[in-house]
Structures are given as structure tokens and as C-alpha cells.
Amino acid sequence: MNKLGFIFSTLMVALAIASSMLFVVDQRQFGVVFQLGQIQKVITEPGLNFKLPPPFQNVSYIDKRLLVLESTETEPMLTAEKQRVVIDYYVRWRISEPQTYIRNVGVNENAGSQQLNRVVRNSFQQEVNKRTVTELLSTRREELMADVKREVLKAVRSDDKPWGMDVVDVRITRVDYAESITASVYQRMEAERKRVANELRSTGFAEGEKIRADADRQREVILANAFRDAQKVKGEGDAKASALYASAFGRDPAFAQFYRSLEAYKSTFANKQDLMVLDPSSDFFKALRSSNLGR
């Protein structure tokens, strides 16, 4: 029994030693073998590999994929016209030389992200200081990103202390005024919109008054022309009526006088409530007293 236990224990120890000597490198990683704290070798191809058991050799893994660094700071930057703006950006980068990266940067990706973020922000600050807000938003945005990428590559590829990484792309996601001046900017925008609206209202009111005055003038002209034409027609009608009356009355003057007397009687006695005081012998009743009335 003791012999079997010894064999089993020996096998377990051998398996433990063998497992500590074997390691697998994933296709997404670099395998870095350390020997007594020094880099012994870097494995770039995926597969099963061997090493000495700890503490003689240890293995560490570093991501070889394309990594993304996103900005986290909200500290404003100053533009060429001394405007405070906040810029959000992201950087795509990868570790290209694991040994150089570990010696000069760190043993994991976080170390590279922290140092890269500092360099990228300093580069952005320098380039933003050379440009206006308008240029940041439109005309020179692409130029800004290209210049920042060039400055960052210059820093990470330094001859004195290269970082062992490659920066693939630098992109701006947002450019906005600092929170301290955003309210004042909105107030100025609101005031400008109100000014434009009031100007449009004033222009519209003036145009409305002009249209109403022109309409009133045209109305008066139309009414005056209509009154003139009506008076002209009325005058022509009265003249024709007078001519007809004169022609008719000229044939029989006595009948004409009698007709006018009847018209006068009709107008005088139209209202039964009227009271008239007249001399019966006056000429007003001459037609009533005429001896020819019965004919």
C-alpha cells in the first residue's frame, strides 16, 4: 500500500512539474518568458510551448490585438482665440515589439494606455492652441487629427526610449465648449435669435401697414371713380328726363301746370299727421278751383 501511495505521489508531482513547464499561447496574445526577472524569449506564434518550472522561468501574456484608448478627462483646452473647449477622442494602437514595450513601458496593457493617454492629450493641447473653434469643427479637423497622430508617433518611436507600440489612428468624437461658458453661449444664441425674430416681425408689420395703406388708397380711388361715374350717369338721366318733360309739357302747358300741382299736393299731403295753415285764396289751390277740373 505504501508503495502504491509513493508511486501515486510521484506521478502527481511529475504531473505538477510537467504542467508548470507547459503553457499555451493564444493567437490573440504574445507569450513572454521571464527567467529570474529577465526576458528570456518572446513567443509570437500560437501553440503549446515549454519552459522551466517556477521559479526558474515564468510566463506572462500581452495582448497583440488592436487596442482602443478613449479619452476620460474633461479638463478644457484653450484654442487660438482663448476659448475653452472640451475634446473627446479615441486612439487605436497595438503592441508591436513586446520586449521593448516591457522594458520601457510596463508588463501589461494598462501601463501603455496610461502613458499613451498623457502623450495624446499633450499633443492635442499643443495643436488645439494653434487653431480656432471654427477650424476644429470643420475646415481643419482632419489636419488636426493627422498632426496629433504624427506627434504621438514621434514620441512612441523615440530613438532614446522607444515604446514598442504602433499608433494606428487618432480620431475626434466631440468638440464642445466648456461647461462654464456653455450657458453664456446659449444665452447669446437665444438673444441673437430673438433679435432676428423681432427684426422679421418689424419688417412684416411695416410691410403690412404698407399693404393696408395701398389697399385703402385704392378703395378711395375706386369709390371716387364710382361716385363720379354715378353722378355722370345720373346727370345724363336727369338731362334726358328734363328734355322729355320739356318736350311733353311744351305740347300742353295747362296740363303741365296741372301735373306739377298734383305732384305738389302729393308731396304736401303725404303725412296725415302734418298740419298746414294756408290761405284758400292762394295760388296753391288754384288747380282745385280751376273751372277745367271737371273736363
Protein backbone atom coordinates (compact mmCIF):
# COMPACT_ATOMS: atom_id res chain seq x y z
CA MET A 1 0.00 0.00 0.00
CA ASN A 2 2.83 2.37 0.86
CA LYS A 3 4.46 1.55 -2.46
CA LEU A 4 1.31 2.45 -4.39
CA GLY A 5 0.98 5.66 -2.44
CA PHE A 6 4.57 6.56 -3.19
CA ILE A 7 4.05 5.88 -6.91
CA PHE A 8 0.85 7.90 -6.94
CA SER A 9 2.53 10.79 -5.13
CA THR A 10 5.47 10.63 -7.53
CA LEU A 11 3.14 10.73 -10.52
CA MET A 12 1.24 13.69 -9.10
CA VAL A 13 4.46 15.60 -8.51
CA ALA A 14 5.63 14.75 -12.02
CA LEU A 15 2.35 15.93 -13.49
CA ALA A 16 2.52 19.14 -11.48
CA ILE A 17 6.08 19.76 -12.67
CA ALA A 18 5.11 18.93 -16.26
CA SER A 19 2.09 21.25 -16.14
CA SER A 20 4.25 24.05 -14.80
CA MET A 21 6.59 23.54 -17.76
CA LEU A 22 3.86 23.61 -20.40
CA PHE A 23 1.90 26.70 -21.44
CA VAL A 24 -0.33 27.64 -24.35
CA VAL A 25 -0.05 30.91 -26.23
CA ASP A 26 -3.34 32.14 -27.70
CA GLN A 27 -3.40 33.61 -31.19
CA ARG A 28 -4.52 36.93 -29.70
CA GLN A 29 -1.51 37.18 -27.37
CA PHE A 30 2.24 37.35 -27.09
CA GLY A 31 3.85 34.91 -24.68
CA VAL A 32 6.79 36.42 -22.78
CA VAL A 33 9.03 34.01 -20.85
CA PHE A 34 10.93 35.53 -17.89
CA GLN A 35 13.97 33.91 -16.36
CA LEU A 36 14.89 35.28 -12.94
CA GLY A 37 13.16 38.59 -13.80
CA GLN A 38 14.78 38.93 -17.22
CA ILE A 39 13.08 38.41 -20.55
CA GLN A 40 14.27 35.08 -21.89
CA LYS A 41 12.19 34.92 -25.08
CA VAL A 42 9.00 36.18 -26.71
CA ILE A 43 6.64 33.74 -28.40
CA THR A 44 4.62 35.33 -31.19
CA GLU A 45 3.03 32.22 -32.72
CA PRO A 46 0.10 30.41 -31.08
CA GLY A 47 0.52 26.88 -29.77
CA LEU A 48 1.91 24.68 -26.98
CA ASN A 49 5.30 25.69 -25.58
CA PHE A 50 7.79 24.57 -22.92
CA LYS A 51 9.66 26.40 -20.17
CA LEU A 52 11.45 25.65 -16.96
CA PRO A 53 9.29 25.32 -13.88
CA PRO A 54 8.97 28.25 -11.48
CA PRO A 55 10.84 29.96 -10.00
CA PHE A 56 13.37 29.46 -12.78
CA GLN A 57 11.08 30.67 -15.53
CA ASN A 58 7.67 32.35 -15.58
CA VAL A 59 5.40 33.32 -18.45
CA SER A 60 3.37 36.49 -18.97
CA TYR A 61 0.89 37.33 -21.70
CA ILE A 62 0.40 40.60 -23.57
CA ASP A 63 -2.44 41.36 -25.94
CA LYS A 64 -1.38 41.63 -29.57
CA ARG A 65 -4.77 42.82 -30.86
CA LEU A 66 -5.69 46.34 -31.88
CA LEU A 67 -6.50 48.24 -28.67
CA VAL A 68 -8.68 51.33 -28.20
CA LEU A 69 -7.83 54.17 -25.84
CA GLU A 70 -10.75 56.52 -25.14
CA SER A 71 -10.38 59.92 -23.51
CA THR A 72 -11.60 60.15 -19.92
CA GLU A 73 -10.51 63.63 -18.83
CA THR A 74 -12.85 66.61 -19.09
CA GLU A 75 -10.29 69.35 -18.48
CA PRO A 76 -10.85 72.11 -21.12
CA MET A 77 -8.25 73.10 -23.69
CA LEU A 78 -7.58 76.63 -24.97
CA THR A 79 -7.99 77.44 -28.66
CA ALA A 80 -6.14 80.11 -30.64
CA GLU A 81 -8.79 82.71 -29.66
CA LYS A 82 -8.57 81.64 -25.99
CA GLN A 83 -11.85 79.75 -25.98
CA ARG A 84 -12.14 76.85 -23.53
CA VAL A 85 -13.26 73.67 -25.31
CA VAL A 86 -13.61 70.04 -24.28
CA ILE A 87 -12.47 67.42 -26.80
CA ASP A 88 -13.36 63.73 -26.71
CA TYR A 89 -11.17 61.43 -28.75
CA TYR A 90 -10.07 57.83 -29.14
CA VAL A 91 -6.80 56.23 -30.23
CA ARG A 92 -6.33 52.82 -31.83
CA TRP A 93 -2.97 51.27 -31.01
CA ARG A 94 -1.21 47.93 -30.69
CA ILE A 95 1.93 46.48 -29.13
CA SER A 96 4.37 45.76 -31.94
CA GLU A 97 7.58 44.90 -30.03
CA PRO A 98 6.82 43.10 -26.74
CA GLN A 99 10.39 43.16 -25.37
CA THR A 100 10.81 46.88 -25.97
CA TYR A 101 7.34 47.52 -24.60
CA ILE A 102 8.01 45.62 -21.36
CA ARG A 103 11.42 47.24 -20.83
CA ASN A 104 10.31 50.84 -21.44
CA VAL A 105 6.57 50.91 -20.67
CA GLY A 106 5.28 48.06 -18.50
CA VAL A 107 4.22 44.46 -18.31
CA ASN A 108 0.55 44.96 -19.20
CA GLU A 109 -1.69 46.99 -21.50
CA ASN A 110 -2.86 49.39 -18.77
CA ALA A 111 0.63 50.81 -18.39
CA GLY A 112 0.75 51.61 -22.09
CA SER A 113 -2.74 53.15 -22.04
CA GLN A 114 -1.84 55.49 -19.18
CA GLN A 115 1.37 56.75 -20.77
CA LEU A 116 -0.19 56.97 -24.22
CA ASN A 117 -3.14 58.96 -22.86
CA ARG A 118 -0.78 61.55 -21.38
CA VAL A 119 1.14 61.96 -24.64
CA VAL A 120 -2.03 62.16 -26.74
CA ARG A 121 -3.57 64.79 -24.50
CA ASN A 122 -0.41 66.93 -24.56
CA SER A 123 -0.32 66.67 -28.36
CA PHE A 124 -3.97 67.68 -28.60
CA GLN A 125 -3.35 70.66 -26.32
CA GLN A 126 -0.47 71.87 -28.48
CA GLU A 127 -2.38 71.50 -31.73
CA VAL A 128 -5.63 72.98 -30.39
CA ASN A 129 -3.73 76.09 -29.27
CA LYS A 130 -2.89 76.76 -32.93
CA ARG A 131 -6.48 76.61 -34.22
CA THR A 132 -9.80 78.41 -33.79
CA VAL A 133 -13.09 76.78 -32.81
CA THR A 134 -14.34 77.02 -36.40
CA GLU A 135 -11.27 75.20 -37.65
CA LEU A 136 -11.71 72.50 -35.02
CA LEU A 137 -15.30 71.93 -36.06
CA SER A 138 -14.94 71.97 -39.83
CA THR A 139 -12.11 73.20 -42.02
CA ARG A 140 -9.03 71.84 -40.24
CA ARG A 141 -10.40 68.93 -38.22
CA GLU A 142 -8.74 66.23 -40.34
CA GLU A 143 -5.49 68.16 -40.30
CA LEU A 144 -5.63 68.36 -36.51
CA MET A 145 -6.04 64.58 -36.13
CA ALA A 146 -3.19 63.92 -38.58
CA ASP A 147 -0.88 66.32 -36.72
CA VAL A 148 -1.71 64.76 -33.35
CA LYS A 149 -1.03 61.28 -34.71
CA ARG A 150 2.32 62.44 -36.09
CA GLU A 151 3.33 63.93 -32.72
CA VAL A 152 2.27 60.80 -30.83
CA LEU A 153 4.20 58.52 -33.21
CA LYS A 154 7.23 60.74 -32.81
CA ALA A 155 7.02 60.26 -29.03
CA VAL A 156 6.46 56.48 -29.00
CA ARG A 157 9.14 55.86 -31.65
CA SER A 158 11.79 57.91 -29.93
CA ASP A 159 15.33 56.74 -30.63
CA ASP A 160 16.32 57.17 -26.99
CA LYS A 161 13.46 55.18 -25.48
CA PRO A 162 11.05 53.59 -27.96
CA TRP A 163 7.79 52.27 -26.56
CA GLY A 164 7.48 49.19 -28.73
CA MET A 165 3.98 50.14 -29.87
CA ASP A 166 2.31 51.45 -33.00
CA VAL A 167 -0.45 54.08 -33.18
CA VAL A 168 -2.85 53.24 -36.00
CA ASP A 169 -5.38 56.07 -35.80
CA VAL A 170 -6.39 59.14 -33.81
CA ARG A 171 -9.99 60.38 -34.05
CA ILE A 172 -12.03 63.20 -32.50
CA THR A 173 -15.54 62.23 -31.43
CA ARG A 174 -16.75 65.52 -29.90
CA VAL A 175 -15.75 69.17 -29.68
CA ASP A 176 -17.78 71.31 -27.30
CA TYR A 177 -17.44 74.47 -25.25
CA ALA A 178 -16.50 74.10 -21.62
CA GLU A 179 -19.43 73.82 -19.26
CA SER A 180 -18.57 77.16 -17.64
CA ILE A 181 -19.23 79.10 -20.86
CA THR A 182 -21.87 76.89 -22.49
CA ALA A 183 -24.67 78.75 -20.69
CA SER A 184 -23.41 82.15 -21.84
CA VAL A 185 -23.06 80.86 -25.41
CA TYR A 186 -26.64 79.59 -25.37
CA GLN A 187 -27.81 82.94 -23.98
CA ARG A 188 -26.04 84.80 -26.79
CA MET A 189 -27.55 82.43 -29.32
CA GLU A 190 -31.01 82.95 -27.82
CA ALA A 191 -30.57 86.74 -27.83
CA GLU A 192 -29.45 86.64 -31.47
CA ARG A 193 -32.47 84.53 -32.45
CA LYS A 194 -34.79 86.92 -30.61
CA ARG A 195 -33.19 89.88 -32.38
CA VAL A 196 -33.69 88.25 -35.77
CA ALA A 197 -37.29 87.36 -34.86
CA ASN A 198 -38.05 90.93 -33.74
CA GLU A 199 -36.47 92.29 -36.90
CA LEU A 200 -38.63 89.98 -39.01
CA ARG A 201 -41.74 90.99 -37.05
CA SER A 202 -40.94 94.69 -37.55
CA THR A 203 -40.35 94.16 -41.25
CA GLY A 204 -43.60 92.21 -41.54
CA PHE A 205 -45.54 94.88 -39.63
CA ALA A 206 -44.12 97.62 -41.89
CA GLU A 207 -44.99 95.60 -44.99
CA GLY A 208 -48.49 95.01 -43.60
CA GLU A 209 -49.02 98.72 -42.97
CA LYS A 210 -47.79 99.47 -46.48
CA ILE A 211 -50.19 96.93 -47.99
CA ARG A 212 -53.12 98.23 -45.91
CA ALA A 213 -52.36 101.85 -46.85
CA ASP A 214 -52.19 100.92 -50.53
CA ALA A 215 -55.47 99.00 -50.24
CA ASP A 216 -57.17 101.97 -48.53
CA ARG A 217 -55.89 104.31 -51.24
CA GLN A 218 -57.16 102.01 -53.98
CA ARG A 219 -60.51 101.79 -52.18
CA GLU A 220 -60.84 105.55 -52.06
CA VAL A 221 -59.90 105.84 -55.73
CA ILE A 222 -62.40 103.16 -56.72
CA LEU A 223 -65.19 104.79 -54.66
CA ALA A 224 -64.38 108.24 -56.08
CA ASN A 225 -64.41 106.90 -59.63
CA ALA A 226 -67.65 105.04 -58.98
CA PHE A 227 -69.27 108.18 -57.48
CA ARG A 228 -68.07 110.26 -60.42
CA ASP A 229 -69.46 107.75 -62.92
CA ALA A 230 -72.73 107.52 -60.98
CA GLN A 231 -73.12 111.29 -60.89
CA LYS A 232 -72.35 111.45 -64.58
CA VAL A 233 -74.98 108.81 -65.38
CA LYS A 234 -77.43 110.47 -63.03
CA GLY A 235 -76.81 113.87 -64.65
CA GLU A 236 -77.29 112.39 -68.09
CA GLY A 237 -80.52 110.74 -66.90
CA ASP A 238 -81.78 113.96 -65.36
CA ALA A 239 -80.95 115.84 -68.55
CA LYS A 240 -82.82 113.31 -70.65
CA ALA A 241 -85.73 113.35 -68.20
CA SER A 242 -85.83 117.14 -68.25
CA ALA A 243 -85.74 117.09 -72.04
CA LEU A 244 -88.58 114.59 -72.13
CA TYR A 245 -90.60 116.60 -69.59
CA ALA A 246 -89.98 119.82 -71.50
CA SER A 247 -90.97 118.21 -74.76
CA ALA A 248 -94.11 116.70 -73.24
CA PHE A 249 -95.09 119.79 -71.24
CA GLY A 250 -94.42 122.05 -74.21
CA ARG A 251 -97.25 120.39 -76.12
CA ASP A 252 -99.85 121.21 -73.42
CA PRO A 253 -98.76 123.89 -70.89
CA ALA A 254 -102.05 123.75 -69.00
CA PHE A 255 -101.71 120.01 -68.39
CA ALA A 256 -98.13 120.51 -67.37
CA GLN A 257 -99.13 123.06 -64.74
CA PHE A 258 -101.91 120.76 -63.55
CA TYR A 259 -99.49 117.80 -63.27
CA ARG A 260 -97.00 119.81 -61.23
CA SER A 261 -99.80 120.92 -58.93
CA LEU A 262 -100.79 117.28 -58.36
CA GLU A 263 -97.18 116.37 -57.57
CA ALA A 264 -97.05 119.24 -55.10
CA TYR A 265 -100.30 118.07 -53.46
CA LYS A 266 -98.92 114.51 -53.24
CA SER A 267 -95.74 115.68 -51.51
CA THR A 268 -97.59 118.07 -49.19
CA PHE A 269 -100.32 115.73 -48.00
CA ALA A 270 -98.19 112.57 -47.79
CA ASN A 271 -98.23 112.51 -43.96
CA LYS A 272 -101.62 112.56 -42.29
CA GLN A 273 -100.14 113.98 -39.09
CA ASP A 274 -98.95 117.18 -40.76
CA LEU A 275 -100.85 120.38 -40.06
CA MET A 276 -100.81 123.20 -42.63
CA VAL A 277 -102.16 126.74 -42.35
CA LEU A 278 -102.78 128.21 -45.82
CA ASP A 279 -104.88 130.92 -47.36
CA PRO A 280 -107.60 129.24 -49.52
CA SER A 281 -107.35 132.06 -51.95
CA SER A 282 -103.61 131.43 -52.55
CA ASP A 283 -102.31 130.12 -55.84
CA PHE A 284 -101.53 126.75 -54.16
CA PHE A 285 -105.15 125.69 -54.57
CA LYS A 286 -105.50 127.20 -57.98
CA ALA A 287 -105.70 123.75 -59.63
CA LEU A 288 -108.54 122.71 -57.31
CA ARG A 289 -110.51 125.82 -58.10
CA SER A 290 -109.96 125.59 -61.86
CA SER A 291 -113.12 125.55 -63.96
CA ASN A 292 -111.46 122.96 -66.21
CA LEU A 293 -111.12 120.42 -63.43
CA GLY A 294 -114.31 118.62 -64.37
CA ARG A 295 -113.30 118.07 -68.02
